[in-house]
Protein backbone atom coordinates (compact mmCIF):
# COMPACT_ATOMS: atom_id res chain seq x y z
CA UNK A 1 120.33 143.06 89.60
CA UNK A 2 117.32 144.97 89.70
CA UNK A 3 116.19 148.16 88.15
CA UNK A 4 112.88 149.79 89.90
CA UNK A 5 111.44 153.01 88.30
CA UNK A 6 108.66 154.56 90.22
CA UNK A 7 106.58 157.49 88.41
CA UNK A 8 104.30 159.66 90.71
CA UNK A 9 101.57 159.19 89.21
CA UNK A 10 73.02 145.10 114.50
CA UNK A 11 73.10 141.55 112.73
CA UNK A 12 69.80 140.63 111.28
CA UNK A 13 67.87 142.84 108.84
CA UNK A 14 64.54 142.14 106.87
CA UNK A 15 63.32 144.95 104.96
CA UNK A 16 65.87 147.38 106.21
CA UNK A 17 68.24 149.26 103.67
CA UNK A 18 71.03 149.89 106.40
CA UNK A 19 74.29 149.40 104.62
CA UNK A 20 77.76 149.79 105.78
CA UNK A 21 78.92 152.69 103.61
CA UNK A 22 81.60 153.65 106.22
CA UNK A 23 83.61 151.17 104.92
CA UNK A 24 83.68 152.52 101.76
CA UNK A 25 87.25 153.91 101.83
CA UNK A 26 89.77 155.06 99.18
CA UNK A 27 92.30 153.18 97.32
CA UNK A 28 93.35 151.78 94.34
CA UNK A 29 93.67 148.00 93.21
CA UNK A 30 94.50 146.87 89.65
CA UNK A 31 91.44 146.00 88.02
CA UNK A 32 91.42 141.74 87.78
CA UNK A 33 90.51 140.20 84.53
CA UNK A 34 87.38 139.13 84.20
CA UNK A 35 79.72 132.13 83.76
CA UNK A 36 76.33 132.82 84.59
CA UNK A 37 72.96 131.47 84.18
CA UNK A 38 69.36 132.27 84.80
CA UNK A 39 69.16 134.05 88.03
CA UNK A 40 68.45 131.22 90.54
CA UNK A 41 70.54 128.81 88.40
CA UNK A 42 74.14 128.12 89.02
CA UNK A 43 74.91 126.93 85.29
CA UNK A 44 78.36 125.61 86.73
CA UNK A 45 79.15 128.37 89.15
CA UNK A 46 79.35 126.39 92.55
CA UNK A 47 77.35 128.26 95.13
CA UNK A 48 78.07 128.29 99.14
CA UNK A 49 75.67 125.70 100.96
CA UNK A 50 76.14 123.60 98.33
CA UNK A 51 74.88 123.33 94.44
CA UNK A 52 71.99 126.12 94.09
CA UNK A 53 68.58 124.50 93.91
CA UNK A 54 66.86 126.97 91.99
CA UNK A 55 64.03 127.39 94.51
CA UNK A 56 63.90 130.82 95.22
CA UNK A 57 61.15 132.51 97.23
CA UNK A 58 57.36 133.08 96.64
CA UNK A 59 56.88 134.09 100.49
CA UNK A 60 57.89 136.58 102.46
CA UNK A 61 61.53 138.14 101.70
CA UNK A 62 64.28 137.32 104.20
CA UNK A 63 67.11 139.42 105.51
CA UNK A 64 69.11 141.91 103.06
CA UNK A 65 72.47 140.86 101.83
CA UNK A 66 75.27 143.30 102.80
CA UNK A 67 78.32 142.79 100.25
CA UNK A 68 81.63 144.66 100.00
CA UNK A 69 82.81 145.05 96.15
CA UNK A 70 86.20 145.72 95.32
CA UNK A 71 86.06 148.37 92.52
CA UNK A 72 84.00 151.27 92.50
CA UNK A 73 81.79 151.82 89.51
CA UNK A 74 83.80 153.81 86.79
CA UNK A 75 81.18 154.49 84.35
CA UNK A 76 77.92 155.46 86.47
CA UNK A 77 77.10 151.69 86.13
CA UNK A 78 76.29 151.74 82.69
CA UNK A 79 75.90 148.81 81.05
CA UNK A 80 78.38 148.90 78.33
CA UNK A 81 81.20 149.52 80.29
CA UNK A 82 82.94 147.37 82.76
CA UNK A 83 80.47 148.24 85.27
CA UNK A 84 77.98 145.91 83.33
CA UNK A 85 79.70 142.97 85.46
CA UNK A 86 78.41 144.52 88.64
CA UNK A 87 75.05 144.70 87.51
CA UNK A 88 75.32 141.14 86.69
CA UNK A 89 76.75 140.33 89.64
CA UNK A 90 73.70 141.71 91.60
CA UNK A 91 71.42 139.76 89.14
CA UNK A 92 69.46 143.13 88.26
CA UNK A 93 70.22 143.00 84.60
CA UNK A 94 70.21 140.05 82.28
CA UNK A 95 70.91 138.85 78.87
CA UNK A 96 69.72 136.88 75.94
CA UNK A 97 72.22 134.10 76.64
CA UNK A 98 74.19 133.09 79.71
CA UNK A 99 77.07 130.42 79.75
CA UNK A 100 77.59 127.27 81.42
CA UNK A 101 80.73 125.79 83.10
CA UNK A 102 82.11 124.66 79.27
CA UNK A 103 81.33 128.20 77.80
CA UNK A 104 78.27 126.53 75.88
CA UNK A 105 75.15 129.02 75.54
CA UNK A 106 72.27 128.24 77.61
CA UNK A 107 69.17 129.91 77.47
CA UNK A 108 68.54 133.44 79.21
CA UNK A 109 65.78 136.21 78.06
CA UNK A 110 66.13 134.40 74.64
CA UNK A 111 64.55 130.40 75.21
CA UNK A 112 65.81 129.44 71.64
CA UNK A 113 68.07 130.32 68.80
CA UNK A 114 68.80 129.13 64.89
CA UNK A 115 71.58 129.78 62.90
CA UNK A 116 70.19 130.78 59.48
CA UNK A 117 73.33 131.00 57.55
CA UNK A 118 76.83 131.98 58.00
CA UNK A 119 76.07 135.47 59.18
CA UNK A 120 72.09 135.42 60.30
CA UNK A 121 71.00 134.22 63.71
CA UNK A 122 67.16 134.02 64.75
CA UNK A 123 66.74 134.47 68.54
CA UNK A 124 63.22 133.67 69.89
CA UNK A 125 62.56 135.79 73.19
CA UNK A 126 61.22 134.79 76.76
CA UNK A 127 57.47 135.54 76.84
CA UNK A 128 56.01 137.04 80.15
CA UNK A 129 58.96 139.00 81.27
CA UNK A 130 58.54 142.87 82.53
CA UNK A 131 61.09 145.44 83.09
CA UNK A 132 61.54 146.89 86.80
CA UNK A 133 59.51 150.12 85.36
CA UNK A 134 56.75 148.15 84.49
CA UNK A 135 57.31 148.01 80.70
CA UNK A 136 57.14 145.18 78.91
CA UNK A 137 60.18 143.05 77.63
CA UNK A 138 59.92 142.22 73.50
CA UNK A 139 61.44 142.44 70.50
CA UNK A 140 61.61 146.33 69.83
CA UNK A 141 63.22 146.70 73.37
CA UNK A 142 65.80 144.16 72.48
CA UNK A 143 66.63 146.08 69.46
CA UNK A 144 66.86 149.25 71.24
CA UNK A 145 69.13 147.90 73.63
CA UNK A 146 71.46 146.00 71.12
CA UNK A 147 71.51 148.78 68.83
CA UNK A 148 72.54 151.20 71.50
CA UNK A 149 75.53 148.90 71.96
CA UNK A 150 76.38 148.75 68.58
CA UNK A 151 76.32 152.18 67.94
CA UNK A 152 77.88 153.34 71.23
CA UNK A 153 81.65 155.20 71.30
CA UNK A 154 83.42 153.20 72.55
CA UNK A 155 81.45 150.43 71.85
CA UNK A 156 81.78 147.57 74.23
CA UNK A 157 84.58 145.30 74.41
CA UNK A 158 82.79 142.31 73.27
CA UNK A 159 81.92 144.09 69.97
CA UNK A 160 85.51 145.19 69.25
CA UNK A 161 86.08 144.52 65.63
CA UNK A 162 82.49 142.90 65.07
CA UNK A 163 79.51 144.17 62.92
CA UNK A 164 76.23 143.43 64.39
CA UNK A 165 72.78 144.58 63.16
CA UNK A 166 69.79 143.77 65.11
CA UNK A 167 66.09 143.56 63.91
CA UNK A 168 62.62 142.75 64.84
CA UNK A 169 60.79 140.24 62.94
CA UNK A 170 58.10 139.56 65.00
CA UNK A 171 56.97 140.94 68.69
CA UNK A 172 58.87 137.33 69.88
CA UNK A 173 61.87 137.30 67.59
CA UNK A 174 64.77 139.23 66.40
CA UNK A 175 67.42 138.80 63.76
CA UNK A 176 71.05 139.17 64.16
CA UNK A 177 73.52 139.37 61.36
CA UNK A 178 76.90 139.71 61.50
CA UNK A 179 79.51 141.33 59.14
CA UNK A 180 81.01 138.16 58.61
CA UNK A 181 80.80 134.84 59.57
CA UNK A 182 80.91 134.22 63.52
CA UNK A 183 80.11 131.20 65.24
CA UNK A 184 80.29 132.67 68.44
CA UNK A 185 77.14 134.92 68.02
CA UNK A 186 75.07 133.38 71.21
CA UNK A 187 78.29 133.60 73.29
CA UNK A 188 78.71 137.22 72.53
CA UNK A 189 75.29 137.76 73.82
CA UNK A 190 76.22 136.29 76.91
CA UNK A 191 78.42 139.21 77.64
CA UNK A 192 76.89 141.53 80.60
CA UNK A 193 77.78 144.32 78.33
CA UNK A 194 74.84 143.24 76.06
CA UNK A 195 72.20 143.05 78.91
CA UNK A 196 68.92 144.04 77.71
CA UNK A 197 67.50 146.92 80.00
CA UNK A 198 64.08 149.01 79.47
CA UNK A 199 63.92 151.34 76.78
CA UNK A 200 63.68 154.24 79.05
CA UNK A 201 67.18 153.72 79.78
CA UNK A 202 68.50 154.78 76.57
CA UNK A 203 66.68 157.90 76.30
CA UNK A 204 69.21 160.59 76.01
CA UNK A 205 72.52 160.66 77.89
CA UNK A 206 74.53 157.80 79.44
CA UNK A 207 72.55 154.78 79.80
CA UNK A 208 70.74 154.52 83.23
CA UNK A 209 70.28 151.02 84.97
CA UNK A 210 68.15 152.28 87.58
CA UNK A 211 64.70 150.47 87.70
CA UNK A 212 65.33 149.44 84.11
CA UNK A 213 66.63 145.73 84.59
CA UNK A 214 64.79 142.41 84.47
CA UNK A 215 66.37 140.61 87.37
CA UNK A 216 64.97 139.59 90.58
CA UNK A 217 66.52 142.64 92.09
CA UNK A 218 65.76 145.89 91.16
CA UNK A 219 68.33 148.74 91.02
CA UNK A 220 66.59 151.31 93.26
CA UNK A 221 69.41 153.89 94.38
CA UNK A 222 73.27 154.41 93.45
CA UNK A 223 75.36 157.01 95.64
CA UNK A 224 78.17 157.54 93.50
CA UNK A 225 81.04 155.55 94.05
CA UNK A 226 80.21 154.50 97.68
CA UNK A 227 77.12 152.63 97.87
CA UNK A 228 74.12 151.07 96.12
CA UNK A 229 70.39 149.79 96.83
CA UNK A 230 68.79 147.01 95.25
CA UNK A 231 65.31 145.58 96.38
CA UNK A 232 63.80 142.29 95.71
CA UNK A 233 61.36 142.63 92.50
CA UNK A 234 58.53 140.96 92.88
CA UNK A 235 57.27 140.84 89.47
CA UNK A 236 60.29 138.63 88.44
CA UNK A 237 59.77 136.61 85.49
CA UNK A 238 61.28 133.26 87.39
CA UNK A 239 61.26 132.43 91.10
CA UNK A 240 61.18 135.23 93.26
CA UNK A 241 64.48 136.21 95.17
CA UNK A 242 65.03 134.79 98.79
CA UNK A 243 66.36 137.83 100.31
CA UNK A 244 64.72 141.52 100.81
CA UNK A 245 67.56 143.15 98.92
CA UNK A 246 71.05 143.99 98.73
CA UNK A 247 73.17 146.72 100.02
CA UNK A 248 76.12 147.16 98.36
CA UNK A 249 79.51 149.04 99.38
CA UNK A 250 82.51 149.69 97.17
CA UNK A 251 85.47 149.39 99.38
CA UNK A 252 88.69 149.49 97.21
CA UNK A 253 91.15 148.73 100.49
CA UNK A 254 91.95 145.30 100.65
CA UNK A 255 92.35 145.61 104.53
CA UNK A 256 89.25 147.03 104.89
CA UNK A 257 87.36 144.57 103.22
CA UNK A 258 88.86 141.74 105.11
CA UNK A 259 88.04 143.65 108.17
CA UNK A 260 84.38 143.86 106.87
CA UNK A 261 84.09 140.35 106.84
CA UNK A 262 86.09 139.58 110.34
CA UNK A 263 83.88 142.19 111.95
CA UNK A 264 80.51 140.63 110.60
CA UNK A 265 79.60 144.13 108.72
CA UNK A 266 79.53 142.34 105.45
CA UNK A 267 77.79 138.85 104.32
CA UNK A 268 79.86 138.64 101.11
CA UNK A 269 83.13 140.16 100.39
CA UNK A 270 84.73 140.36 97.24
CA UNK A 271 88.84 139.71 96.58
CA UNK A 272 89.95 139.19 99.97
CA UNK A 273 93.98 140.12 99.71
CA UNK A 274 95.94 136.57 100.09
CA UNK A 275 97.78 138.43 102.81
CA UNK A 276 94.68 139.04 104.79
CA UNK A 277 93.40 135.47 104.44
CA UNK A 278 95.84 133.80 107.00
CA UNK A 279 93.86 136.13 109.65
CA UNK A 280 90.44 135.38 108.75
CA UNK A 281 88.67 132.29 110.30
CA UNK A 282 89.07 129.56 107.20
CA UNK A 283 85.58 128.57 106.82
CA UNK A 284 84.55 131.86 105.96
CA UNK A 285 86.79 131.99 102.96
CA UNK A 286 86.36 130.45 99.37
CA UNK A 287 89.19 130.04 97.05
CA UNK A 288 87.65 130.32 93.00
CA UNK A 289 89.76 129.68 90.40
CA UNK A 290 90.07 131.96 87.93
CA UNK A 291 90.51 132.10 84.04
CA UNK A 292 94.00 133.81 84.44
CA UNK A 293 97.37 132.47 84.30
CA UNK A 294 100.74 133.93 85.37
CA UNK A 295 103.00 133.30 82.50
CA UNK A 296 106.78 133.83 81.56
CA UNK A 297 106.79 135.25 78.11
CA UNK A 298 109.98 134.41 76.07
CA UNK A 299 111.37 136.33 73.25
CA UNK A 300 111.02 133.93 70.64
CA UNK A 301 112.57 136.82 68.05
CA UNK A 302 115.73 137.83 69.26
CA UNK A 303 118.45 137.20 71.94
CA UNK A 304 119.12 133.96 73.80
CA UNK A 305 115.72 132.93 73.53
CA UNK A 306 115.59 132.71 69.79
CA UNK A 307 117.23 129.37 70.44
CA UNK A 308 114.44 126.76 70.86
CA UNK A 309 116.80 124.64 72.80
CA UNK A 310 117.53 127.72 75.53
CA UNK A 311 113.98 128.19 75.84
CA UNK A 312 113.61 124.61 76.64
CA UNK A 313 116.32 125.39 79.40
CA UNK A 314 114.55 128.21 80.89
CA UNK A 315 111.39 126.30 80.87
CA UNK A 316 113.12 123.32 82.63
CA UNK A 317 114.89 125.98 85.17
CA UNK A 318 111.55 127.01 86.60
CA UNK A 319 109.85 125.54 89.35
CA UNK A 320 106.25 126.94 89.41
CA UNK A 321 105.49 125.00 92.74
CA UNK A 322 107.76 127.19 94.73
CA UNK A 323 106.31 130.65 93.21
CA UNK A 324 102.85 129.11 94.24
CA UNK A 325 103.98 128.35 97.55
CA UNK A 326 106.56 131.33 98.30
CA UNK A 327 104.45 134.09 96.64
CA UNK A 328 100.75 133.07 96.74
CA UNK A 329 101.04 131.46 99.88
CA UNK A 330 99.65 127.95 98.02
CA UNK A 331 96.50 129.73 97.06
CA UNK A 332 97.12 129.29 93.42
CA UNK A 333 97.20 126.15 90.82
CA UNK A 334 100.15 125.03 89.16
CA UNK A 335 100.08 125.51 85.46
CA UNK A 336 99.55 122.35 83.50
CA UNK A 337 99.07 124.59 80.38
CA UNK A 338 98.05 127.88 79.23
CA UNK A 339 94.44 127.24 80.29
CA UNK A 340 93.63 125.98 83.85
CA UNK A 341 91.05 124.53 85.98
CA UNK A 342 88.48 127.72 85.45
CA UNK A 343 87.80 125.95 82.06
CA UNK A 344 87.25 122.20 83.39
CA UNK A 345 87.55 121.53 79.68
CA UNK A 346 90.81 122.21 79.71
CA UNK A 347 91.83 118.54 81.40
CA UNK A 348 91.51 117.02 78.39
CA UNK A 349 94.52 118.40 76.46
CA UNK A 350 96.52 115.88 74.41
CA UNK A 351 100.14 114.72 75.15
CA UNK A 352 102.83 117.27 74.31
CA UNK A 353 106.15 116.69 72.72
CA UNK A 354 109.05 118.19 74.80
CA UNK A 355 111.83 119.80 73.13
CA UNK A 356 115.13 118.75 74.30
CA UNK A 357 117.12 121.65 76.77
CA UNK A 358 120.17 123.44 75.74
CA UNK A 359 122.94 121.52 77.92
CA UNK A 360 125.64 123.94 78.13
CA UNK A 361 123.90 126.68 80.07
CA UNK A 362 126.17 126.47 83.07
CA UNK A 363 129.40 127.08 80.67
CA UNK A 364 127.58 130.03 78.41
CA UNK A 365 126.09 131.98 81.16
CA UNK A 366 123.63 133.89 78.79
CA UNK A 367 122.56 137.13 79.97
CA UNK A 368 118.98 137.78 80.12
CA UNK A 369 116.51 140.80 80.75
CA UNK A 370 113.44 139.71 82.72
CA UNK A 371 110.55 142.42 82.72
CA UNK A 372 107.39 142.94 84.97
CA UNK A 373 105.40 145.59 86.52
CA UNK A 374 104.59 146.93 90.03
CA UNK A 375 100.73 147.25 89.65
CA UNK A 376 100.12 143.79 90.58
CA UNK A 377 102.14 143.72 93.70
CA UNK A 378 102.83 139.73 93.61
CA UNK A 379 104.67 140.05 90.06
CA UNK A 380 107.81 141.66 91.57
CA UNK A 381 107.91 138.73 93.95
CA UNK A 382 107.53 136.23 91.33
CA UNK A 383 110.63 138.02 89.46
CA UNK A 384 112.57 137.48 92.53
CA UNK A 385 111.54 133.82 92.58
CA UNK A 386 112.31 133.22 88.82
CA UNK A 387 115.84 135.34 88.64
CA UNK A 388 116.86 132.89 91.65
CA UNK A 389 115.81 129.81 89.44
CA UNK A 390 117.25 131.11 86.12
CA UNK A 391 120.51 131.68 87.95
CA UNK A 392 120.84 128.60 89.65
CA UNK A 393 120.61 126.98 85.84
CA UNK A 394 123.36 129.28 85.05
CA UNK A 395 121.56 132.22 83.42
CA UNK A 396 122.58 135.93 84.28
CA UNK A 397 119.57 137.53 85.26
CA UNK A 398 118.75 141.63 85.52
CA UNK A 399 115.30 142.53 86.50
CA UNK A 400 113.73 145.55 85.09
CA UNK A 401 110.49 146.37 87.17
CA UNK A 402 108.25 149.73 86.29
CA UNK A 403 104.41 150.54 86.58
CA UNK A 404 102.39 149.01 83.70
CA UNK A 405 101.67 152.08 81.95
CA UNK A 406 105.74 152.83 81.59
CA UNK A 407 106.74 148.99 80.32
CA UNK A 408 104.15 147.86 78.14
CA UNK A 409 105.32 149.40 74.97
CA UNK A 410 108.96 148.28 75.59
CA UNK A 411 107.59 144.63 76.45
CA UNK A 412 105.13 144.73 72.86
CA UNK A 413 108.32 145.65 71.20
CA UNK A 414 110.60 142.94 72.19
CA UNK A 415 112.65 144.86 74.39
CA UNK A 416 112.93 142.33 76.86
CA UNK A 417 114.25 138.57 76.81
CA UNK A 418 111.50 137.66 79.28
CA UNK A 419 108.45 139.09 80.59
CA UNK A 420 106.16 137.97 83.54
CA UNK A 421 102.71 138.95 82.92
CA UNK A 422 99.34 137.79 84.72
CA UNK A 423 96.96 137.60 81.58
CA UNK A 424 93.08 136.55 81.39
CA UNK A 425 93.01 133.86 79.12
CA UNK A 426 89.08 134.13 78.47
CA UNK A 427 87.34 137.19 77.63
CA UNK A 428 83.51 138.37 77.70
CA UNK A 429 82.89 135.41 75.15
CA UNK A 430 83.85 133.02 77.43
CA UNK A 431 86.11 131.33 74.75
CA UNK A 432 90.23 131.68 74.85
CA UNK A 433 90.66 131.96 71.14
CA UNK A 434 90.79 135.54 71.22
CA UNK A 435 93.09 135.43 74.03
CA UNK A 436 95.35 132.91 72.19
CA UNK A 437 95.13 134.84 68.86
CA UNK A 438 96.14 138.12 70.35
CA UNK A 439 99.23 136.63 72.11
CA UNK A 440 100.76 134.21 70.14
CA UNK A 441 99.47 134.58 66.41
CA UNK A 442 101.97 136.50 63.75
CA UNK A 443 99.89 139.50 63.88
CA UNK A 444 98.66 139.19 67.37
CA UNK A 445 98.20 142.82 69.18
CA UNK A 446 99.47 141.40 72.18
CA UNK A 447 102.73 139.26 71.03
CA UNK A 448 104.94 139.89 74.11
CA UNK A 449 106.68 136.65 72.91
CA UNK A 450 107.64 137.88 69.32
CA UNK A 451 106.33 134.82 68.37
CA UNK A 452 105.25 133.71 65.18
CA UNK A 453 105.01 130.35 63.59
CA UNK A 454 102.38 129.38 60.38
CA UNK A 455 101.70 126.03 61.72
CA UNK A 456 100.04 127.60 65.13
CA UNK A 457 98.34 130.66 62.99
CA UNK A 458 96.81 127.92 60.82
CA UNK A 459 95.51 125.82 63.88
CA UNK A 460 94.23 129.30 65.21
CA UNK A 461 92.09 129.85 62.25
CA UNK A 462 90.81 126.58 62.06
CA UNK A 463 89.85 126.64 65.72
CA UNK A 464 88.31 130.05 65.38
CA UNK A 465 85.80 128.82 62.34
CA UNK A 466 84.76 125.86 64.52
CA UNK A 467 81.42 126.22 65.66
CA UNK A 468 81.18 126.13 69.83
CA UNK A 469 81.32 122.79 71.56
CA UNK A 470 83.54 120.10 72.01
CA UNK A 471 85.32 120.32 68.54
CA UNK A 472 85.75 123.77 69.27
CA UNK A 473 87.33 122.87 72.57
CA UNK A 474 89.66 120.30 70.86
CA UNK A 475 90.91 122.65 68.50
CA UNK A 476 91.66 124.92 70.65
CA UNK A 477 93.70 122.35 72.96
CA UNK A 478 95.39 121.43 69.84
CA UNK A 479 96.59 125.22 69.53
CA UNK A 480 97.80 125.38 73.12
CA UNK A 481 99.77 122.25 72.74
CA UNK A 482 101.52 123.58 69.26
CA UNK A 483 102.49 126.79 71.52
CA UNK A 484 103.83 125.01 74.55
CA UNK A 485 105.59 122.56 72.26
CA UNK A 486 107.62 125.74 70.83
CA UNK A 487 108.30 126.97 74.46
CA UNK A 488 106.86 130.26 73.15
CA UNK A 489 105.58 130.99 76.86
CA UNK A 490 106.01 129.12 80.29
CA UNK A 491 102.73 128.80 82.06
CA UNK A 492 103.33 128.94 86.14
CA UNK A 493 100.32 128.96 87.87
CA UNK A 494 96.42 129.86 87.71
CA UNK A 495 95.19 132.22 89.98
CA UNK A 496 92.62 132.03 92.28
CA UNK A 497 90.12 134.94 93.81
CA UNK A 498 89.35 134.56 97.56
CA UNK A 499 85.80 135.34 98.35
CA UNK A 500 84.74 135.72 101.96
CA UNK A 501 81.31 134.62 102.86
CA UNK A 502 79.86 134.71 106.54
CA UNK A 503 78.86 131.29 108.13
CA UNK A 504 75.10 131.91 107.70
CA UNK A 505 75.41 132.86 103.93
CA UNK A 506 73.88 130.24 101.40
CA UNK A 507 73.58 130.45 97.71
CA UNK A 508 76.18 133.08 97.18
CA UNK A 509 77.63 131.94 93.69
CA UNK A 510 81.47 131.44 93.30
CA UNK A 511 81.98 132.34 89.40
CA UNK A 512 85.31 132.13 87.70
CA UNK A 513 84.25 134.50 85.03
CA UNK A 514 82.96 136.75 87.67
CA UNK A 515 79.20 137.14 85.96
CA UNK A 516 77.19 136.18 89.32
CA UNK A 517 77.35 136.60 92.97
CA UNK A 518 74.13 137.40 94.21
CA UNK A 519 71.15 135.40 93.02
CA UNK A 520 67.63 134.61 93.69
CA UNK A 521 68.84 131.84 95.95
CA UNK A 522 71.30 133.87 98.26
CA UNK A 523 70.09 134.29 101.47
CA UNK A 524 71.41 134.94 105.17
CA UNK A 525 70.29 132.87 107.99
């Protein structure tokens, strides 16, 4: 049974700024969750045409690059909002630190850092960097930018619950002091929301990114929520960009984005819908694994799934491969855990002990409510598949499907026996501890599974206190092991995003964390 509730609610260009704003049609799609390296370097992110050479260009610029983006700016491209990821993907705003494929910190605008004590870090700044407005990059500029972030209301997401104080010691160093011990300070400073813009960007009113970055491309114009224009910045501290610039259009409608790729009116296209991929030349589309897992959360506190053996029976009843094939048309990865191929190190997970499943489900015919939401179009289809699989195992299933804003409160309150959710597993720091704590700790703010296990909480605390690196990753996988041994949730699949690129595009980044897209190496032709 399904209960649905709906509430109202000219090809070669060199130097030309010709865009394709005609494609910027209206529409809305649910925002998908969101590793970078210095511009011109792949840092573990794959690129079109093979691994990025890092060569850049010192000669005449090549053709401009036309990009079709999924979502328009929501906050006038303020770096203190989610719009920061656009500035990062255009290689116009840069951060002190960048992340490699494992989520480890690497030099960006800072070349080195030292942890002085549990709460104090010192960062040495890169020399010879100039902002797009001609002013020098120095410690005073870093203090201005990061202080603007720490005092913003609301704060950037990466600073939720985090206290940072930034001071300059010399023109070439800054000190960051945290309110409590935080081993992820360098990773936090990799967030695009903590990009360093010129001091003039912060002088009254909204932060202004136009002409105030440090990257190989300078943002020179923004036309509301329709288009943006960037030009090559010849004063860049690294290798110069190969392309003359970037012409961006914001195209929320998935059919229109796919059409832009098919008709060659865009060179690089974000987020091609799965339904459109089938009608596009396969050589033009590229699937990028995302740090996002489609999971069935089971209510561990009340109802039939309070019994571990019944949870195990649900786990055994579910065939994720069918969901991948029938709903995602094969364009997703069957989950082996909560963390997926977007985090390559997760493949080193330890062996799990499997809980024995109840064998009397067909005789008992336990009734369960299965909830999900309509905002992500594939989830109701997933619910249909799971209903069929669970009923084949003996469960009686009632679906409850609403818009997300009308179901979240009930889901968090434990109103459903099971709930299907597509969840980002790493947030801005590139580290999954925050996700695991939010979803599976006794005090977690997003604990749809109503799961509380002292052993898991202790393992989470140990992981959170471990410095970034192999030991922390091993501690995280131990947490995952304990959660899945309890069958608190059933991870089904890891999503991919489909990126479109014309055949003559090389050097476009295919980035699971959606921090890079057009780099100094990206070119057309």
